[in-house]
Amino acid sequence: SKWYALRCKPRKEDAAWRQVMNEGFE
């Protein structure tokens, strides 16, 4: 596992963060 930067849609960082966590990623 390595760190990557994930681009999010404007003002959707919170929703994207929850989605990433729900998918089981750190």
mmCIF file of all heavy atoms, coordinates in Angstrom:
data_MODEL
# 
_entry.id   MODEL 
# 
loop_
_atom_site.group_PDB 
_atom_site.id 
_atom_site.type_symbol 
_atom_site.label_atom_id 
_atom_site.label_alt_id 
_atom_site.label_comp_id 
_atom_site.label_asym_id 
_atom_site.label_entity_id 
_atom_site.label_seq_id 
_atom_site.pdbx_PDB_ins_code 
_atom_site.Cartn_x 
_atom_site.Cartn_y 
_atom_site.Cartn_z 
_atom_site.occupancy 
_atom_site.B_iso_or_equiv 
_atom_site.pdbx_formal_charge 
_atom_site.auth_seq_id 
_atom_site.auth_comp_id 
_atom_site.auth_asym_id 
_atom_site.auth_atom_id 
_atom_site.pdbx_PDB_model_num 
ATOM 1   N N   . SER A 1 1  ? 0.826   -1.203 0.000   1.00 0.00 ? 1  SER A N   1 
ATOM 2   C CA  . SER A 1 1  ? 0.000   0.000  0.000   1.00 0.00 ? 1  SER A CA  1 
ATOM 3   C C   . SER A 1 1  ? 0.859   1.252  0.000   1.00 0.00 ? 1  SER A C   1 
ATOM 4   O O   . SER A 1 1  ? 1.852   1.333  0.731   1.00 0.00 ? 1  SER A O   1 
ATOM 5   C CB  . SER A 1 1  ? -0.909  0.014  1.227   1.00 0.00 ? 1  SER A CB  1 
ATOM 6   O OG  . SER A 1 1  ? -1.866  -1.000 1.124   1.00 0.00 ? 1  SER A OG  1 
ATOM 7   N N   . LYS A 1 2  ? 0.448   2.226  -0.803  1.00 0.00 ? 2  LYS A N   1 
ATOM 8   C CA  . LYS A 1 2  ? 1.151   3.505  -0.896  1.00 0.00 ? 2  LYS A CA  1 
ATOM 9   C C   . LYS A 1 2  ? 0.121   4.623  -0.872  1.00 0.00 ? 2  LYS A C   1 
ATOM 10  O O   . LYS A 1 2  ? -1.056  4.411  -1.150  1.00 0.00 ? 2  LYS A O   1 
ATOM 11  C CB  . LYS A 1 2  ? 1.966   3.569  -2.189  1.00 0.00 ? 2  LYS A CB  1 
ATOM 12  C CG  . LYS A 1 2  ? 3.050   2.516  -2.212  1.00 0.00 ? 2  LYS A CG  1 
ATOM 13  C CD  . LYS A 1 2  ? 3.895   2.619  -3.450  1.00 0.00 ? 2  LYS A CD  1 
ATOM 14  C CE  . LYS A 1 2  ? 4.867   1.516  -3.351  1.00 0.00 ? 2  LYS A CE  1 
ATOM 15  N NZ  . LYS A 1 2  ? 5.870   1.191  -3.945  1.00 0.00 ? 2  LYS A NZ  1 
ATOM 16  N N   . TRP A 1 3  ? 0.595   5.828  -0.546  1.00 0.00 ? 3  TRP A N   1 
ATOM 17  C CA  . TRP A 1 3  ? -0.277  7.000  -0.495  1.00 0.00 ? 3  TRP A CA  1 
ATOM 18  C C   . TRP A 1 3  ? -0.404  7.637  -1.871  1.00 0.00 ? 3  TRP A C   1 
ATOM 19  O O   . TRP A 1 3  ? 0.572   7.756  -2.608  1.00 0.00 ? 3  TRP A O   1 
ATOM 20  C CB  . TRP A 1 3  ? 0.281   8.041  0.477   1.00 0.00 ? 3  TRP A CB  1 
ATOM 21  C CG  . TRP A 1 3  ? 0.087   7.695  1.921   1.00 0.00 ? 3  TRP A CG  1 
ATOM 22  C CD1 . TRP A 1 3  ? 1.043   7.260  2.785   1.00 0.00 ? 3  TRP A CD1 1 
ATOM 23  C CD2 . TRP A 1 3  ? -1.127  7.763  2.674   1.00 0.00 ? 3  TRP A CD2 1 
ATOM 24  N NE1 . TRP A 1 3  ? 0.506   7.048  4.026   1.00 0.00 ? 3  TRP A NE1 1 
ATOM 25  C CE2 . TRP A 1 3  ? -0.839  7.355  3.981   1.00 0.00 ? 3  TRP A CE2 1 
ATOM 26  C CE3 . TRP A 1 3  ? -2.435  8.130  2.356   1.00 0.00 ? 3  TRP A CE3 1 
ATOM 27  C CZ2 . TRP A 1 3  ? -1.795  7.301  4.976   1.00 0.00 ? 3  TRP A CZ2 1 
ATOM 28  C CZ3 . TRP A 1 3  ? -3.401  8.084  3.355   1.00 0.00 ? 3  TRP A CZ3 1 
ATOM 29  C CH2 . TRP A 1 3  ? -3.073  7.675  4.651   1.00 0.00 ? 3  TRP A CH2 1 
ATOM 30  N N   . TYR A 1 4  ? -1.622  8.077  -2.184  1.00 0.00 ? 4  TYR A N   1 
ATOM 31  C CA  . TYR A 1 4  ? -1.920  8.781  -3.426  1.00 0.00 ? 4  TYR A CA  1 
ATOM 32  C C   . TYR A 1 4  ? -2.836  9.957  -3.095  1.00 0.00 ? 4  TYR A C   1 
ATOM 33  O O   . TYR A 1 4  ? -3.570  9.928  -2.103  1.00 0.00 ? 4  TYR A O   1 
ATOM 34  C CB  . TYR A 1 4  ? -2.644  7.858  -4.424  1.00 0.00 ? 4  TYR A CB  1 
ATOM 35  C CG  . TYR A 1 4  ? -1.834  6.655  -4.813  1.00 0.00 ? 4  TYR A CG  1 
ATOM 36  C CD1 . TYR A 1 4  ? -1.965  5.452  -4.123  1.00 0.00 ? 4  TYR A CD1 1 
ATOM 37  C CD2 . TYR A 1 4  ? -0.923  6.712  -5.864  1.00 0.00 ? 4  TYR A CD2 1 
ATOM 38  C CE1 . TYR A 1 4  ? -1.209  4.344  -4.470  1.00 0.00 ? 4  TYR A CE1 1 
ATOM 39  C CE2 . TYR A 1 4  ? -0.172  5.609  -6.217  1.00 0.00 ? 4  TYR A CE2 1 
ATOM 40  C CZ  . TYR A 1 4  ? -0.310  4.431  -5.513  1.00 0.00 ? 4  TYR A CZ  1 
ATOM 41  O OH  . TYR A 1 4  ? 0.441   3.339  -5.864  1.00 0.00 ? 4  TYR A OH  1 
ATOM 42  N N   . ALA A 1 5  ? -2.810  10.979 -3.954  1.00 0.00 ? 5  ALA A N   1 
ATOM 43  C CA  . ALA A 1 5  ? -3.731  12.111 -3.816  1.00 0.00 ? 5  ALA A CA  1 
ATOM 44  C C   . ALA A 1 5  ? -4.949  11.834 -4.684  1.00 0.00 ? 5  ALA A C   1 
ATOM 45  O O   . ALA A 1 5  ? -4.828  11.492 -5.859  1.00 0.00 ? 5  ALA A O   1 
ATOM 46  C CB  . ALA A 1 5  ? -3.056  13.407 -4.236  1.00 0.00 ? 5  ALA A CB  1 
ATOM 47  N N   . LEU A 1 6  ? -6.122  11.965 -4.098  1.00 0.00 ? 6  LEU A N   1 
ATOM 48  C CA  . LEU A 1 6  ? -7.376  11.723 -4.791  1.00 0.00 ? 6  LEU A CA  1 
ATOM 49  C C   . LEU A 1 6  ? -8.090  13.048 -5.017  1.00 0.00 ? 6  LEU A C   1 
ATOM 50  O O   . LEU A 1 6  ? -8.319  13.796 -4.067  1.00 0.00 ? 6  LEU A O   1 
ATOM 51  C CB  . LEU A 1 6  ? -8.263  10.786 -3.959  1.00 0.00 ? 6  LEU A CB  1 
ATOM 52  C CG  . LEU A 1 6  ? -9.637  10.442 -4.509  1.00 0.00 ? 6  LEU A CG  1 
ATOM 53  C CD1 . LEU A 1 6  ? -9.521  9.669  -5.822  1.00 0.00 ? 6  LEU A CD1 1 
ATOM 54  C CD2 . LEU A 1 6  ? -10.426 9.634  -3.488  1.00 0.00 ? 6  LEU A CD2 1 
ATOM 55  N N   . ARG A 1 7  ? -8.401  13.356 -6.279  1.00 0.00 ? 7  ARG A N   1 
ATOM 56  C CA  . ARG A 1 7  ? -9.146  14.577 -6.603  1.00 0.00 ? 7  ARG A CA  1 
ATOM 57  C C   . ARG A 1 7  ? -10.621 14.347 -6.335  1.00 0.00 ? 7  ARG A C   1 
ATOM 58  O O   . ARG A 1 7  ? -11.164 13.289 -6.652  1.00 0.00 ? 7  ARG A O   1 
ATOM 59  C CB  . ARG A 1 7  ? -8.959  14.962 -8.072  1.00 0.00 ? 7  ARG A CB  1 
ATOM 60  C CG  . ARG A 1 7  ? -7.605  15.530 -8.367  1.00 0.00 ? 7  ARG A CG  1 
ATOM 61  C CD  . ARG A 1 7  ? -7.465  16.023 -9.793  1.00 0.00 ? 7  ARG A CD  1 
ATOM 62  N NE  . ARG A 1 7  ? -8.524  16.972 -10.127 1.00 0.00 ? 7  ARG A NE  1 
ATOM 63  C CZ  . ARG A 1 7  ? -9.123  17.035 -11.320 1.00 0.00 ? 7  ARG A CZ  1 
ATOM 64  N NH1 . ARG A 1 7  ? -8.767  16.227 -12.294 1.00 0.00 ? 7  ARG A NH1 1 
ATOM 65  N NH2 . ARG A 1 7  ? -10.065 17.917 -11.550 1.00 0.00 ? 7  ARG A NH2 1 
ATOM 66  N N   . CYS A 1 8  ? -11.248 15.376 -5.769  1.00 0.00 ? 8  CYS A N   1 
ATOM 67  C CA  . CYS A 1 8  ? -12.676 15.304 -5.459  1.00 0.00 ? 8  CYS A CA  1 
ATOM 68  C C   . CYS A 1 8  ? -13.429 16.366 -6.243  1.00 0.00 ? 8  CYS A C   1 
ATOM 69  O O   . CYS A 1 8  ? -12.857 17.374 -6.651  1.00 0.00 ? 8  CYS A O   1 
ATOM 70  C CB  . CYS A 1 8  ? -12.907 15.556 -3.969  1.00 0.00 ? 8  CYS A CB  1 
ATOM 71  S SG  . CYS A 1 8  ? -11.972 14.463 -2.900  1.00 0.00 ? 8  CYS A SG  1 
ATOM 72  N N   . LYS A 1 9  ? -14.712 16.149 -6.422  1.00 0.00 ? 9  LYS A N   1 
ATOM 73  C CA  . LYS A 1 9  ? -15.550 17.167 -7.032  1.00 0.00 ? 9  LYS A CA  1 
ATOM 74  C C   . LYS A 1 9  ? -15.620 18.371 -6.086  1.00 0.00 ? 9  LYS A C   1 
ATOM 75  O O   . LYS A 1 9  ? -15.426 18.215 -4.879  1.00 0.00 ? 9  LYS A O   1 
ATOM 76  C CB  . LYS A 1 9  ? -16.937 16.600 -7.313  1.00 0.00 ? 9  LYS A CB  1 
ATOM 77  C CG  . LYS A 1 9  ? -16.913 15.541 -8.398  1.00 0.00 ? 9  LYS A CG  1 
ATOM 78  C CD  . LYS A 1 9  ? -18.280 14.997 -8.705  1.00 0.00 ? 9  LYS A CD  1 
ATOM 79  C CE  . LYS A 1 9  ? -18.178 13.950 -9.806  1.00 0.00 ? 9  LYS A CE  1 
ATOM 80  N NZ  . LYS A 1 9  ? -19.459 13.316 -10.083 1.00 0.00 ? 9  LYS A NZ  1 
ATOM 81  N N   . PRO A 1 10 ? -15.883 19.561 -6.633  1.00 0.00 ? 10 PRO A N   1 
ATOM 82  C CA  . PRO A 1 10 ? -15.900 20.765 -5.784  1.00 0.00 ? 10 PRO A CA  1 
ATOM 83  C C   . PRO A 1 10 ? -16.824 20.639 -4.579  1.00 0.00 ? 10 PRO A C   1 
ATOM 84  O O   . PRO A 1 10 ? -17.973 20.227 -4.709  1.00 0.00 ? 10 PRO A O   1 
ATOM 85  C CB  . PRO A 1 10 ? -16.387 21.863 -6.736  1.00 0.00 ? 10 PRO A CB  1 
ATOM 86  C CG  . PRO A 1 10 ? -16.002 21.377 -8.099  1.00 0.00 ? 10 PRO A CG  1 
ATOM 87  C CD  . PRO A 1 10 ? -16.138 19.874 -8.040  1.00 0.00 ? 10 PRO A CD  1 
ATOM 88  N N   . ARG A 1 11 ? -16.281 20.942 -3.414  1.00 0.00 ? 11 ARG A N   1 
ATOM 89  C CA  . ARG A 1 11 ? -16.992 20.923 -2.128  1.00 0.00 ? 11 ARG A CA  1 
ATOM 90  C C   . ARG A 1 11 ? -17.602 19.557 -1.794  1.00 0.00 ? 11 ARG A C   1 
ATOM 91  O O   . ARG A 1 11 ? -18.590 19.466 -1.077  1.00 0.00 ? 11 ARG A O   1 
ATOM 92  C CB  . ARG A 1 11 ? -18.047 22.028 -2.076  1.00 0.00 ? 11 ARG A CB  1 
ATOM 93  C CG  . ARG A 1 11 ? -17.422 23.411 -1.995  1.00 0.00 ? 11 ARG A CG  1 
ATOM 94  C CD  . ARG A 1 11 ? -18.424 24.523 -2.015  1.00 0.00 ? 11 ARG A CD  1 
ATOM 95  N NE  . ARG A 1 11 ? -19.132 24.681 -3.269  1.00 0.00 ? 11 ARG A NE  1 
ATOM 96  C CZ  . ARG A 1 11 ? -18.612 25.155 -4.407  1.00 0.00 ? 11 ARG A CZ  1 
ATOM 97  N NH1 . ARG A 1 11 ? -17.357 25.472 -4.455  1.00 0.00 ? 11 ARG A NH1 1 
ATOM 98  N NH2 . ARG A 1 11 ? -19.361 25.280 -5.487  1.00 0.00 ? 11 ARG A NH2 1 
ATOM 99  N N   . LYS A 1 12 ? -17.017 18.487 -2.306  1.00 0.00 ? 12 LYS A N   1 
ATOM 100 C CA  . LYS A 1 12 ? -17.503 17.128 -2.032  1.00 0.00 ? 12 LYS A CA  1 
ATOM 101 C C   . LYS A 1 12 ? -16.458 16.295 -1.289  1.00 0.00 ? 12 LYS A C   1 
ATOM 102 O O   . LYS A 1 12 ? -16.537 15.070 -1.261  1.00 0.00 ? 12 LYS A O   1 
ATOM 103 C CB  . LYS A 1 12 ? -17.890 16.413 -3.339  1.00 0.00 ? 12 LYS A CB  1 
ATOM 104 C CG  . LYS A 1 12 ? -19.075 17.026 -4.042  1.00 0.00 ? 12 LYS A CG  1 
ATOM 105 C CD  . LYS A 1 12 ? -20.330 16.835 -3.230  1.00 0.00 ? 12 LYS A CD  1 
ATOM 106 C CE  . LYS A 1 12 ? -21.550 17.356 -3.968  1.00 0.00 ? 12 LYS A CE  1 
ATOM 107 N NZ  . LYS A 1 12 ? -22.740 17.311 -3.146  1.00 0.00 ? 12 LYS A NZ  1 
ATOM 108 N N   . GLU A 1 13 ? -15.484 16.975 -0.673  1.00 0.00 ? 13 GLU A N   1 
ATOM 109 C CA  . GLU A 1 13 ? -14.416 16.243 0.019   1.00 0.00 ? 13 GLU A CA  1 
ATOM 110 C C   . GLU A 1 13 ? -14.965 15.366 1.146   1.00 0.00 ? 13 GLU A C   1 
ATOM 111 O O   . GLU A 1 13 ? -14.522 14.231 1.316   1.00 0.00 ? 13 GLU A O   1 
ATOM 112 C CB  . GLU A 1 13 ? -13.378 17.217 0.600   1.00 0.00 ? 13 GLU A CB  1 
ATOM 113 C CG  . GLU A 1 13 ? -12.683 18.067 -0.420  1.00 0.00 ? 13 GLU A CG  1 
ATOM 114 C CD  . GLU A 1 13 ? -13.369 19.410 -0.667  1.00 0.00 ? 13 GLU A CD  1 
ATOM 115 O OE1 . GLU A 1 13 ? -14.498 19.618 -0.167  1.00 0.00 ? 13 GLU A OE1 1 
ATOM 116 O OE2 . GLU A 1 13 ? -12.783 20.243 -1.373  1.00 0.00 ? 13 GLU A OE2 1 
ATOM 117 N N   . ASP A 1 14 ? -15.928 15.889 1.926   1.00 0.00 ? 14 ASP A N   1 
ATOM 118 C CA  . ASP A 1 14 ? -16.491 15.109 3.039   1.00 0.00 ? 14 ASP A CA  1 
ATOM 119 C C   . ASP A 1 14 ? -17.151 13.830 2.537   1.00 0.00 ? 14 ASP A C   1 
ATOM 120 O O   . ASP A 1 14 ? -16.931 12.747 3.079   1.00 0.00 ? 14 ASP A O   1 
ATOM 121 C CB  . ASP A 1 14 ? -17.523 15.937 3.821   1.00 0.00 ? 14 ASP A CB  1 
ATOM 122 C CG  . ASP A 1 14 ? -16.905 17.070 4.615   1.00 0.00 ? 14 ASP A CG  1 
ATOM 123 O OD1 . ASP A 1 14 ? -15.729 16.980 4.981   1.00 0.00 ? 14 ASP A OD1 1 
ATOM 124 O OD2 . ASP A 1 14 ? -17.624 18.059 4.871   1.00 0.00 ? 14 ASP A OD2 1 
ATOM 125 N N   . ALA A 1 15 ? -17.966 13.970 1.497   1.00 0.00 ? 15 ALA A N   1 
ATOM 126 C CA  . ALA A 1 15 ? -18.667 12.803 0.943   1.00 0.00 ? 15 ALA A CA  1 
ATOM 127 C C   . ALA A 1 15 ? -17.670 11.804 0.343   1.00 0.00 ? 15 ALA A C   1 
ATOM 128 O O   . ALA A 1 15 ? -17.819 10.593 0.517   1.00 0.00 ? 15 ALA A O   1 
ATOM 129 C CB  . ALA A 1 15 ? -19.678 13.256 -0.111  1.00 0.00 ? 15 ALA A CB  1 
ATOM 130 N N   . ALA A 1 16 ? -16.659 12.317 -0.353  1.00 0.00 ? 16 ALA A N   1 
ATOM 131 C CA  . ALA A 1 16 ? -15.652 11.430 -0.940  1.00 0.00 ? 16 ALA A CA  1 
ATOM 132 C C   . ALA A 1 16 ? -14.880 10.696 0.156   1.00 0.00 ? 16 ALA A C   1 
ATOM 133 O O   . ALA A 1 16 ? -14.603 9.498  0.041   1.00 0.00 ? 16 ALA A O   1 
ATOM 134 C CB  . ALA A 1 16 ? -14.696 12.221 -1.828  1.00 0.00 ? 16 ALA A CB  1 
ATOM 135 N N   . TRP A 1 17 ? -14.536 11.409 1.238   1.00 0.00 ? 17 TRP A N   1 
ATOM 136 C CA  . TRP A 1 17 ? -13.807 10.800 2.354   1.00 0.00 ? 17 TRP A CA  1 
ATOM 137 C C   . TRP A 1 17 ? -14.636 9.666  2.960   1.00 0.00 ? 17 TRP A C   1 
ATOM 138 O O   . TRP A 1 17 ? -14.118 8.567  3.196   1.00 0.00 ? 17 TRP A O   1 
ATOM 139 C CB  . TRP A 1 17 ? -13.483 11.873 3.392   1.00 0.00 ? 17 TRP A CB  1 
ATOM 140 C CG  . TRP A 1 17 ? -12.822 11.353 4.619   1.00 0.00 ? 17 TRP A CG  1 
ATOM 141 C CD1 . TRP A 1 17 ? -11.551 10.863 4.733   1.00 0.00 ? 17 TRP A CD1 1 
ATOM 142 C CD2 . TRP A 1 17 ? -13.404 11.271 5.927   1.00 0.00 ? 17 TRP A CD2 1 
ATOM 143 N NE1 . TRP A 1 17 ? -11.307 10.480 6.032   1.00 0.00 ? 17 TRP A NE1 1 
ATOM 144 C CE2 . TRP A 1 17 ? -12.426 10.730 6.776   1.00 0.00 ? 17 TRP A CE2 1 
ATOM 145 C CE3 . TRP A 1 17 ? -14.637 11.618 6.456   1.00 0.00 ? 17 TRP A CE3 1 
ATOM 146 C CZ2 . TRP A 1 17 ? -12.666 10.520 8.134   1.00 0.00 ? 17 TRP A CZ2 1 
ATOM 147 C CZ3 . TRP A 1 17 ? -14.864 11.409 7.798   1.00 0.00 ? 17 TRP A CZ3 1 
ATOM 148 C CH2 . TRP A 1 17 ? -13.882 10.857 8.608   1.00 0.00 ? 17 TRP A CH2 1 
ATOM 149 N N   . ARG A 1 18 ? -15.925 9.920  3.178   1.00 0.00 ? 18 ARG A N   1 
ATOM 150 C CA  . ARG A 1 18 ? -16.791 8.859  3.729   1.00 0.00 ? 18 ARG A CA  1 
ATOM 151 C C   . ARG A 1 18 ? -16.870 7.674  2.773   1.00 0.00 ? 18 ARG A C   1 
ATOM 152 O O   . ARG A 1 18 ? -16.828 6.522  3.195   1.00 0.00 ? 18 ARG A O   1 
ATOM 153 C CB  . ARG A 1 18 ? -18.192 9.415  4.017   1.00 0.00 ? 18 ARG A CB  1 
ATOM 154 C CG  . ARG A 1 18 ? -18.257 10.254 5.271   1.00 0.00 ? 18 ARG A CG  1 
ATOM 155 C CD  . ARG A 1 18 ? -19.686 10.576 5.687   1.00 0.00 ? 18 ARG A CD  1 
ATOM 156 N NE  . ARG A 1 18 ? -20.422 11.317 4.670   1.00 0.00 ? 18 ARG A NE  1 
ATOM 157 C CZ  . ARG A 1 18 ? -20.401 12.642 4.550   1.00 0.00 ? 18 ARG A CZ  1 
ATOM 158 N NH1 . ARG A 1 18 ? -19.689 13.361 5.381   1.00 0.00 ? 18 ARG A NH1 1 
ATOM 159 N NH2 . ARG A 1 18 ? -21.108 13.229 3.594   1.00 0.00 ? 18 ARG A NH2 1 
ATOM 160 N N   . GLN A 1 19 ? -16.959 7.952  1.475   1.00 0.00 ? 19 GLN A N   1 
ATOM 161 C CA  . GLN A 1 19 ? -17.032 6.884  0.477   1.00 0.00 ? 19 GLN A CA  1 
ATOM 162 C C   . GLN A 1 19 ? -15.759 6.040  0.485   1.00 0.00 ? 19 GLN A C   1 
ATOM 163 O O   . GLN A 1 19 ? -15.814 4.810  0.456   1.00 0.00 ? 19 GLN A O   1 
ATOM 164 C CB  . GLN A 1 19 ? -17.263 7.489  -0.918  1.00 0.00 ? 19 GLN A CB  1 
ATOM 165 C CG  . GLN A 1 19 ? -17.486 6.472  -2.000  1.00 0.00 ? 19 GLN A CG  1 
ATOM 166 C CD  . GLN A 1 19 ? -18.813 5.740  -1.863  1.00 0.00 ? 19 GLN A CD  1 
ATOM 167 O OE1 . GLN A 1 19 ? -19.810 6.311  -1.448  1.00 0.00 ? 19 GLN A OE1 1 
ATOM 168 N NE2 . GLN A 1 19 ? -18.817 4.470  -2.198  1.00 0.00 ? 19 GLN A NE2 1 
ATOM 169 N N   . VAL A 1 20 ? -14.605 6.689  0.535   1.00 0.00 ? 20 VAL A N   1 
ATOM 170 C CA  . VAL A 1 20 ? -13.316 5.973  0.569   1.00 0.00 ? 20 VAL A CA  1 
ATOM 171 C C   . VAL A 1 20 ? -13.240 5.094  1.817   1.00 0.00 ? 20 VAL A C   1 
ATOM 172 O O   . VAL A 1 20 ? -12.831 3.932  1.752   1.00 0.00 ? 20 VAL A O   1 
ATOM 173 C CB  . VAL A 1 20 ? -12.142 6.978  0.510   1.00 0.00 ? 20 VAL A CB  1 
ATOM 174 C CG1 . VAL A 1 20 ? -10.823 6.300  0.855   1.00 0.00 ? 20 VAL A CG1 1 
ATOM 175 C CG2 . VAL A 1 20 ? -12.069 7.635  -0.861  1.00 0.00 ? 20 VAL A CG2 1 
ATOM 176 N N   . MET A 1 21 ? -13.656 5.648  2.949   1.00 0.00 ? 21 MET A N   1 
ATOM 177 C CA  . MET A 1 21 ? -13.622 4.880  4.202   1.00 0.00 ? 21 MET A CA  1 
ATOM 178 C C   . MET A 1 21 ? -14.596 3.688  4.135   1.00 0.00 ? 21 MET A C   1 
ATOM 179 O O   . MET A 1 21 ? -14.258 2.599  4.589   1.00 0.00 ? 21 MET A O   1 
ATOM 180 C CB  . MET A 1 21 ? -13.974 5.785  5.393   1.00 0.00 ? 21 MET A CB  1 
ATOM 181 C CG  . MET A 1 21 ? -12.990 6.930  5.596   1.00 0.00 ? 21 MET A CG  1 
ATOM 182 S SD  . MET A 1 21 ? -11.330 6.398  5.968   1.00 0.00 ? 21 MET A SD  1 
ATOM 183 C CE  . MET A 1 21 ? -11.527 5.931  7.656   1.00 0.00 ? 21 MET A CE  1 
ATOM 184 N N   . ASN A 1 22 ? -15.785 3.913  3.562   1.00 0.00 ? 22 ASN A N   1 
ATOM 185 C CA  . ASN A 1 22 ? -16.772 2.820  3.435   1.00 0.00 ? 22 ASN A CA  1 
ATOM 186 C C   . ASN A 1 22 ? -16.273 1.696  2.543   1.00 0.00 ? 22 ASN A C   1 
ATOM 187 O O   . ASN A 1 22 ? -16.666 0.542  2.715   1.00 0.00 ? 22 ASN A O   1 
ATOM 188 C CB  . ASN A 1 22 ? -18.101 3.354  2.889   1.00 0.00 ? 22 ASN A CB  1 
ATOM 189 C CG  . ASN A 1 22 ? -18.870 4.151  3.915   1.00 0.00 ? 22 ASN A CG  1 
ATOM 190 O OD1 . ASN A 1 22 ? -18.629 4.045  5.112   1.00 0.00 ? 22 ASN A OD1 1 
ATOM 191 N ND2 . ASN A 1 22 ? -19.790 4.982  3.447   1.00 0.00 ? 22 ASN A ND2 1 
ATOM 192 N N   . GLU A 1 23 ? -15.422 2.032  1.576   1.00 0.00 ? 23 GLU A N   1 
ATOM 193 C CA  . GLU A 1 23 ? -14.846 1.018  0.685   1.00 0.00 ? 23 GLU A CA  1 
ATOM 194 C C   . GLU A 1 23 ? -13.689 0.268  1.351   1.00 0.00 ? 23 GLU A C   1 
ATOM 195 O O   . GLU A 1 23 ? -13.120 -0.641 0.754   1.00 0.00 ? 23 GLU A O   1 
ATOM 196 C CB  . GLU A 1 23 ? -14.358 1.661  -0.612  1.00 0.00 ? 23 GLU A CB  1 
ATOM 197 C CG  . GLU A 1 23 ? -15.468 2.242  -1.461  1.00 0.00 ? 23 GLU A CG  1 
ATOM 198 C CD  . GLU A 1 23 ? -16.330 1.194  -2.131  1.00 0.00 ? 23 GLU A CD  1 
ATOM 199 O OE1 . GLU A 1 23 ? -15.824 0.092  -2.410  1.00 0.00 ? 23 GLU A OE1 1 
ATOM 200 O OE2 . GLU A 1 23 ? -17.522 1.487  -2.358  1.00 0.00 ? 23 GLU A OE2 1 
ATOM 201 N N   . GLY A 1 24 ? -13.311 0.679  2.572   1.00 0.00 ? 24 GLY A N   1 
ATOM 202 C CA  . GLY A 1 24 ? -12.277 -0.033 3.327   1.00 0.00 ? 24 GLY A CA  1 
ATOM 203 C C   . GLY A 1 24 ? -10.859 0.458  3.105   1.00 0.00 ? 24 GLY A C   1 
ATOM 204 O O   . GLY A 1 24 ? -9.911  -0.204 3.524   1.00 0.00 ? 24 GLY A O   1 
ATOM 205 N N   . PHE A 1 25 ? -10.688 1.608  2.499   1.00 0.00 ? 25 PHE A N   1 
ATOM 206 C CA  . PHE A 1 25 ? -9.348  2.167  2.281   1.00 0.00 ? 25 PHE A CA  1 
ATOM 207 C C   . PHE A 1 25 ? -8.970  3.089  3.427   1.00 0.00 ? 25 PHE A C   1 
ATOM 208 O O   . PHE A 1 25 ? -9.832  3.727  4.032   1.00 0.00 ? 25 PHE A O   1 
ATOM 209 C CB  . PHE A 1 25 ? -9.290  2.952  0.966   1.00 0.00 ? 25 PHE A CB  1 
ATOM 210 C CG  . PHE A 1 25 ? -9.493  2.102  -0.248  1.00 0.00 ? 25 PHE A CG  1 
ATOM 211 C CD1 . PHE A 1 25 ? -10.711 2.100  -0.914  1.00 0.00 ? 25 PHE A CD1 1 
ATOM 212 C CD2 . PHE A 1 25 ? -8.467  1.303  -0.731  1.00 0.00 ? 25 PHE A CD2 1 
ATOM 213 C CE1 . PHE A 1 25 ? -10.911 1.327  -2.031  1.00 0.00 ? 25 PHE A CE1 1 
ATOM 214 C CE2 . PHE A 1 25 ? -8.653  0.521  -1.857  1.00 0.00 ? 25 PHE A CE2 1 
ATOM 215 C CZ  . PHE A 1 25 ? -9.878  0.522  -2.509  1.00 0.00 ? 25 PHE A CZ  1 
ATOM 216 N N   . GLU A 1 26 ? -7.679  3.167  3.689   1.00 0.00 ? 26 GLU A N   1 
ATOM 217 C CA  . GLU A 1 26 ? -7.181  4.139  4.645   1.00 0.00 ? 26 GLU A CA  1 
ATOM 218 C C   . GLU A 1 26 ? -7.157  5.495  3.942   1.00 0.00 ? 26 GLU A C   1 
ATOM 219 O O   . GLU A 1 26 ? -6.761  5.595  2.778   1.00 0.00 ? 26 GLU A O   1 
ATOM 220 C CB  . GLU A 1 26 ? -5.767  3.766  5.108   1.00 0.00 ? 26 GLU A CB  1 
ATOM 221 C CG  . GLU A 1 26 ? -5.204  4.700  6.155   1.00 0.00 ? 26 GLU A CG  1 
ATOM 222 C CD  . GLU A 1 26 ? -3.798  4.311  6.606   1.00 0.00 ? 26 GLU A CD  1 
ATOM 223 O OE1 . GLU A 1 26 ? -3.299  3.243  6.211   1.00 0.00 ? 26 GLU A OE1 1 
ATOM 224 O OE2 . GLU A 1 26 ? -3.195  5.099  7.338   1.00 0.00 ? 26 GLU A OE2 1 
# 
